[in-house]
């Protein structure tokens, strides 16, 4: 006896009727119901060929909802994700690189300038030049 096992467990779908999953079966039945209703409602107004095209076009959204998957998402999840990303919350993402090394060097240069400025102010106030030991202690 041989049993088929999917390699990826997440791809497993239980088939209920005629090899269709519950989702596919539900949308297939709803598509058939809509096609039959449209046929009887529009029969007095259109010919058979036009009526068949109207029924086919009316059933296409149900076929898409029941059978199409995109990036592992069923159609309604994909549609809701698309509406959120494109209509409700559209954002333009702009990449702005940050060079941390250059910022650190600039900070170090600013610190050196600040120390030199403070040393000049101290020298100007005392009127004398401090010894190298005093300067190193201040740094």
C-alpha atoms as a PDB file:
ATOM      1  CA  UNK A   1       0.000   0.000   0.000  1.00  0.00           C
ATOM      2  CA  UNK A   2       1.323   3.434  -0.960  1.00  0.00           C
ATOM      3  CA  UNK A   3       0.364   6.738   0.594  1.00  0.00           C
ATOM      4  CA  UNK A   4       1.198  10.079  -1.017  1.00  0.00           C
ATOM      5  CA  UNK A   5       2.763  12.596   1.365  1.00  0.00           C
ATOM      6  CA  UNK A   6       3.450  16.190   0.362  1.00  0.00           C
ATOM      7  CA  UNK A   7       7.027  17.328   0.752  1.00  0.00           C
ATOM      8  CA  UNK A   8       5.854  20.634   2.184  1.00  0.00           C
ATOM      9  CA  UNK A   9       3.215  20.188   4.875  1.00  0.00           C
ATOM     10  CA  UNK A  10       1.861  23.716   4.373  1.00  0.00           C
ATOM     11  CA  UNK A  11       0.846  22.861   0.796  1.00  0.00           C
ATOM     12  CA  UNK A  12      -1.517  20.115   1.948  1.00  0.00           C
ATOM     13  CA  UNK A  13      -5.160  20.651   1.071  1.00  0.00           C
ATOM     14  CA  UNK A  14      -7.898  18.237   1.956  1.00  0.00           C
ATOM     15  CA  UNK A  15     -10.021  17.294  -1.031  1.00  0.00           C
ATOM     16  CA  UNK A  16     -13.725  16.955  -0.306  1.00  0.00           C
ATOM     17  CA  UNK A  17     -15.666  16.626  -3.594  1.00  0.00           C
ATOM     18  CA  UNK A  18     -14.223  15.704  -6.993  1.00  0.00           C
ATOM     19  CA  UNK A  19     -10.679  16.489  -5.834  1.00  0.00           C
ATOM     20  CA  UNK A  20     -11.587  20.058  -4.831  1.00  0.00           C
ATOM     21  CA  UNK A  21     -10.912  21.631  -1.475  1.00  0.00           C
ATOM     22  CA  UNK A  22     -13.791  23.081   0.541  1.00  0.00           C
ATOM     23  CA  UNK A  23     -12.857  26.565  -0.646  1.00  0.00           C
ATOM     24  CA  UNK A  24     -12.734  25.560  -4.321  1.00  0.00           C
ATOM     25  CA  UNK A  25     -15.953  23.575  -4.020  1.00  0.00           C
ATOM     26  CA  UNK A  26     -17.789  26.491  -2.376  1.00  0.00           C
ATOM     27  CA  UNK A  27     -16.702  28.975  -5.060  1.00  0.00           C
ATOM     28  CA  UNK A  28     -17.482  26.487  -7.860  1.00  0.00           C
ATOM     29  CA  UNK A  29     -21.030  25.976  -6.557  1.00  0.00           C
ATOM     30  CA  UNK A  30     -21.540  29.726  -6.106  1.00  0.00           C
ATOM     31  CA  UNK A  31     -20.272  30.335  -9.666  1.00  0.00           C
ATOM     32  CA  UNK A  32     -22.698  27.746 -11.052  1.00  0.00           C
ATOM     33  CA  UNK A  33     -25.604  29.257  -9.118  1.00  0.00           C
ATOM     34  CA  UNK A  34     -24.812  32.752 -10.385  1.00  0.00           C
ATOM     35  CA  UNK A  35     -24.427  31.526 -13.982  1.00  0.00           C
ATOM     36  CA  UNK A  36     -27.787  29.708 -13.872  1.00  0.00           C
ATOM     37  CA  UNK A  37     -29.558  32.705 -12.280  1.00  0.00           C
ATOM     38  CA  UNK A  38     -28.111  35.099 -14.864  1.00  0.00           C
ATOM     39  CA  UNK A  39     -29.119  32.736 -17.644  1.00  0.00           C
ATOM     40  CA  UNK A  40     -32.774  32.635 -16.598  1.00  0.00           C
ATOM     41  CA  UNK A  41     -32.943  36.355 -15.784  1.00  0.00           C
ATOM     42  CA  UNK A  42     -31.353  37.557 -19.046  1.00  0.00           C
ATOM     43  CA  UNK A  43     -32.735  34.876 -21.426  1.00  0.00           C
ATOM     44  CA  UNK A  44     -35.611  37.049 -22.712  1.00  0.00           C
ATOM     45  CA  UNK A  45     -33.271  39.959 -23.501  1.00  0.00           C
ATOM     46  CA  UNK A  46     -30.226  38.341 -25.190  1.00  0.00           C
ATOM     47  CA  UNK A  47     -29.395  35.565 -27.630  1.00  0.00           C
ATOM     48  CA  UNK A  48     -27.705  32.352 -26.504  1.00  0.00           C
ATOM     49  CA  UNK A  49     -24.190  33.366 -27.607  1.00  0.00           C
ATOM     50  CA  UNK A  50     -24.284  36.775 -25.898  1.00  0.00           C
ATOM     51  CA  UNK A  51     -25.878  35.246 -22.834  1.00  0.00           C
ATOM     52  CA  UNK A  52     -23.153  32.602 -22.573  1.00  0.00           C
ATOM     53  CA  UNK A  53     -20.461  35.313 -22.675  1.00  0.00           C
ATOM     54  CA  UNK A  54     -22.258  37.312 -19.976  1.00  0.00           C
ATOM     55  CA  UNK A  55     -22.425  34.203 -17.751  1.00  0.00           C
ATOM     56  CA  UNK A  56     -18.731  33.430 -18.326  1.00  0.00           C
ATOM     57  CA  UNK A  57     -17.681  36.994 -17.486  1.00  0.00           C
ATOM     58  CA  UNK A  58     -19.856  36.997 -14.352  1.00  0.00           C
ATOM     59  CA  UNK A  59     -18.296  33.731 -13.133  1.00  0.00           C
ATOM     60  CA  UNK A  60     -14.633  34.760 -13.613  1.00  0.00           C
ATOM     61  CA  UNK A  61     -14.314  36.575 -10.229  1.00  0.00           C
ATOM     62  CA  UNK A  62     -15.538  33.465  -8.404  1.00  0.00           C
ATOM     63  CA  UNK A  63     -13.060  31.282 -10.266  1.00  0.00           C
ATOM     64  CA  UNK A  64     -10.271  33.660  -9.327  1.00  0.00           C
ATOM     65  CA  UNK A  65     -11.333  33.759  -5.672  1.00  0.00           C
ATOM     66  CA  UNK A  66     -11.589  29.986  -5.438  1.00  0.00           C
ATOM     67  CA  UNK A  67      -8.610  28.721  -7.389  1.00  0.00           C
ATOM     68  CA  UNK A  68      -5.882  31.384  -7.655  1.00  0.00           C
ATOM     69  CA  UNK A  69      -3.081  31.723  -5.098  1.00  0.00           C
ATOM     70  CA  UNK A  70      -0.390  34.373  -5.253  1.00  0.00           C
ATOM     71  CA  UNK A  71       2.684  34.182  -3.009  1.00  0.00           C
ATOM     72  CA  UNK A  72       0.939  31.485  -0.995  1.00  0.00           C
ATOM     73  CA  UNK A  73      -2.028  33.757  -0.240  1.00  0.00           C
ATOM     74  CA  UNK A  74      -5.581  33.091  -1.373  1.00  0.00           C
ATOM     75  CA  UNK A  75      -7.088  35.746  -3.622  1.00  0.00           C
ATOM     76  CA  UNK A  76      -9.015  37.684  -0.946  1.00  0.00           C
ATOM     77  CA  UNK A  77      -5.937  37.984   1.295  1.00  0.00           C
ATOM     78  CA  UNK A  78      -3.870  39.131  -1.656  1.00  0.00           C
ATOM     79  CA  UNK A  79      -6.524  41.688  -2.649  1.00  0.00           C
ATOM     80  CA  UNK A  80      -6.748  43.045   0.907  1.00  0.00           C
ATOM     81  CA  UNK A  81      -2.934  43.252   1.151  1.00  0.00           C
ATOM     82  CA  UNK A  82      -2.790  45.047  -2.197  1.00  0.00           C
ATOM     83  CA  UNK A  83      -5.516  47.529  -1.190  1.00  0.00           C
ATOM     84  CA  UNK A  84      -3.718  48.283   2.090  1.00  0.00           C
ATOM     85  CA  UNK A  85      -0.315  48.764   0.463  1.00  0.00           C
ATOM     86  CA  UNK A  86      -1.403  50.697  -2.623  1.00  0.00           C
ATOM     87  CA  UNK A  87      -4.528  52.614  -1.594  1.00  0.00           C
ATOM     88  CA  UNK A  88      -4.894  52.913   2.176  1.00  0.00           C
ATOM     89  CA  UNK A  89      -1.270  53.239   3.260  1.00  0.00           C
ATOM     90  CA  UNK A  90       0.815  54.178   0.202  1.00  0.00           C
ATOM     91  CA  UNK A  91       4.345  55.059   1.205  1.00  0.00           C
ATOM     92  CA  UNK A  92       7.323  55.886  -0.904  1.00  0.00           C
ATOM     93  CA  UNK A  93      10.315  54.290   0.760  1.00  0.00           C
ATOM     94  CA  UNK A  94      13.511  56.234   0.186  1.00  0.00           C
ATOM     95  CA  UNK A  95      16.850  54.741   1.075  1.00  0.00           C
ATOM     96  CA  UNK A  96      19.123  57.209   2.825  1.00  0.00           C
ATOM     97  CA  UNK A  97      22.449  55.637   3.722  1.00  0.00           C
ATOM     98  CA  UNK A  98      24.152  56.577   6.975  1.00  0.00           C
ATOM     99  CA  UNK A  99      27.936  56.506   7.152  1.00  0.00           C
ATOM    100  CA  UNK A 100      28.630  55.933  10.825  1.00  0.00           C
ATOM    101  CA  UNK A 101      32.387  56.088  10.365  1.00  0.00           C
ATOM    102  CA  UNK A 102      32.206  59.554   8.779  1.00  0.00           C
ATOM    103  CA  UNK A 103      29.884  60.763  11.553  1.00  0.00           C
ATOM    104  CA  UNK A 104      32.290  59.518  14.226  1.00  0.00           C
ATOM    105  CA  UNK A 105      35.175  61.318  12.525  1.00  0.00           C
ATOM    106  CA  UNK A 106      33.128  64.525  12.347  1.00  0.00           C
ATOM    107  CA  UNK A 107      32.222  64.216  16.031  1.00  0.00           C
ATOM    108  CA  UNK A 108      35.886  63.718  16.905  1.00  0.00           C
ATOM    109  CA  UNK A 109      36.872  66.782  14.852  1.00  0.00           C
ATOM    110  CA  UNK A 110      34.179  68.874  16.562  1.00  0.00           C
ATOM    111  CA  UNK A 111      35.436  67.695  19.952  1.00  0.00           C
ATOM    112  CA  UNK A 112      39.029  68.650  19.056  1.00  0.00           C
ATOM    113  CA  UNK A 113      37.902  72.112  17.921  1.00  0.00           C
ATOM    114  CA  UNK A 114      35.895  72.578  21.104  1.00  0.00           C
ATOM    115  CA  UNK A 115      38.895  71.605  23.241  1.00  0.00           C
ATOM    116  CA  UNK A 116      41.203  73.940  21.311  1.00  0.00           C
ATOM    117  CA  UNK A 117      38.725  76.775  21.683  1.00  0.00           C
ATOM    118  CA  UNK A 118      38.370  76.195  25.421  1.00  0.00           C
ATOM    119  CA  UNK A 119      42.174  76.050  25.779  1.00  0.00           C
ATOM    120  CA  UNK A 120      42.527  79.353  23.927  1.00  0.00           C
ATOM    121  CA  UNK A 121      39.945  80.904  26.238  1.00  0.00           C
ATOM    122  CA  UNK A 122      41.847  79.633  29.309  1.00  0.00           C
ATOM    123  CA  UNK A 123      45.119  80.953  27.956  1.00  0.00           C
ATOM    124  CA  UNK A 124      43.525  84.295  27.176  1.00  0.00           C
ATOM    125  CA  UNK A 125      42.095  84.609  30.721  1.00  0.00           C
ATOM    126  CA  UNK A 126      45.308  83.672  32.570  1.00  0.00           C
ATOM    127  CA  UNK A 127      47.611  85.508  30.229  1.00  0.00           C
ATOM    128  CA  UNK A 128      50.145  82.696  30.480  1.00  0.00           C
ATOM    129  CA  UNK A 129      50.675  79.497  28.594  1.00  0.00           C
ATOM    130  CA  UNK A 130      49.946  76.338  30.569  1.00  0.00           C
ATOM    131  CA  UNK A 131      52.506  73.605  30.615  1.00  0.00           C
ATOM    132  CA  UNK A 132      52.045  70.511  28.464  1.00  0.00           C
ATOM    133  CA  UNK A 133      51.031  68.494  31.529  1.00  0.00           C
ATOM    134  CA  UNK A 134      48.111  70.833  32.276  1.00  0.00           C
ATOM    135  CA  UNK A 135      46.946  70.710  28.651  1.00  0.00           C
ATOM    136  CA  UNK A 136      47.033  66.904  28.606  1.00  0.00           C
ATOM    137  CA  UNK A 137      45.049  66.782  31.833  1.00  0.00           C
ATOM    138  CA  UNK A 138      42.344  69.011  30.326  1.00  0.00           C
ATOM    139  CA  UNK A 139      42.053  66.847  27.230  1.00  0.00           C
END
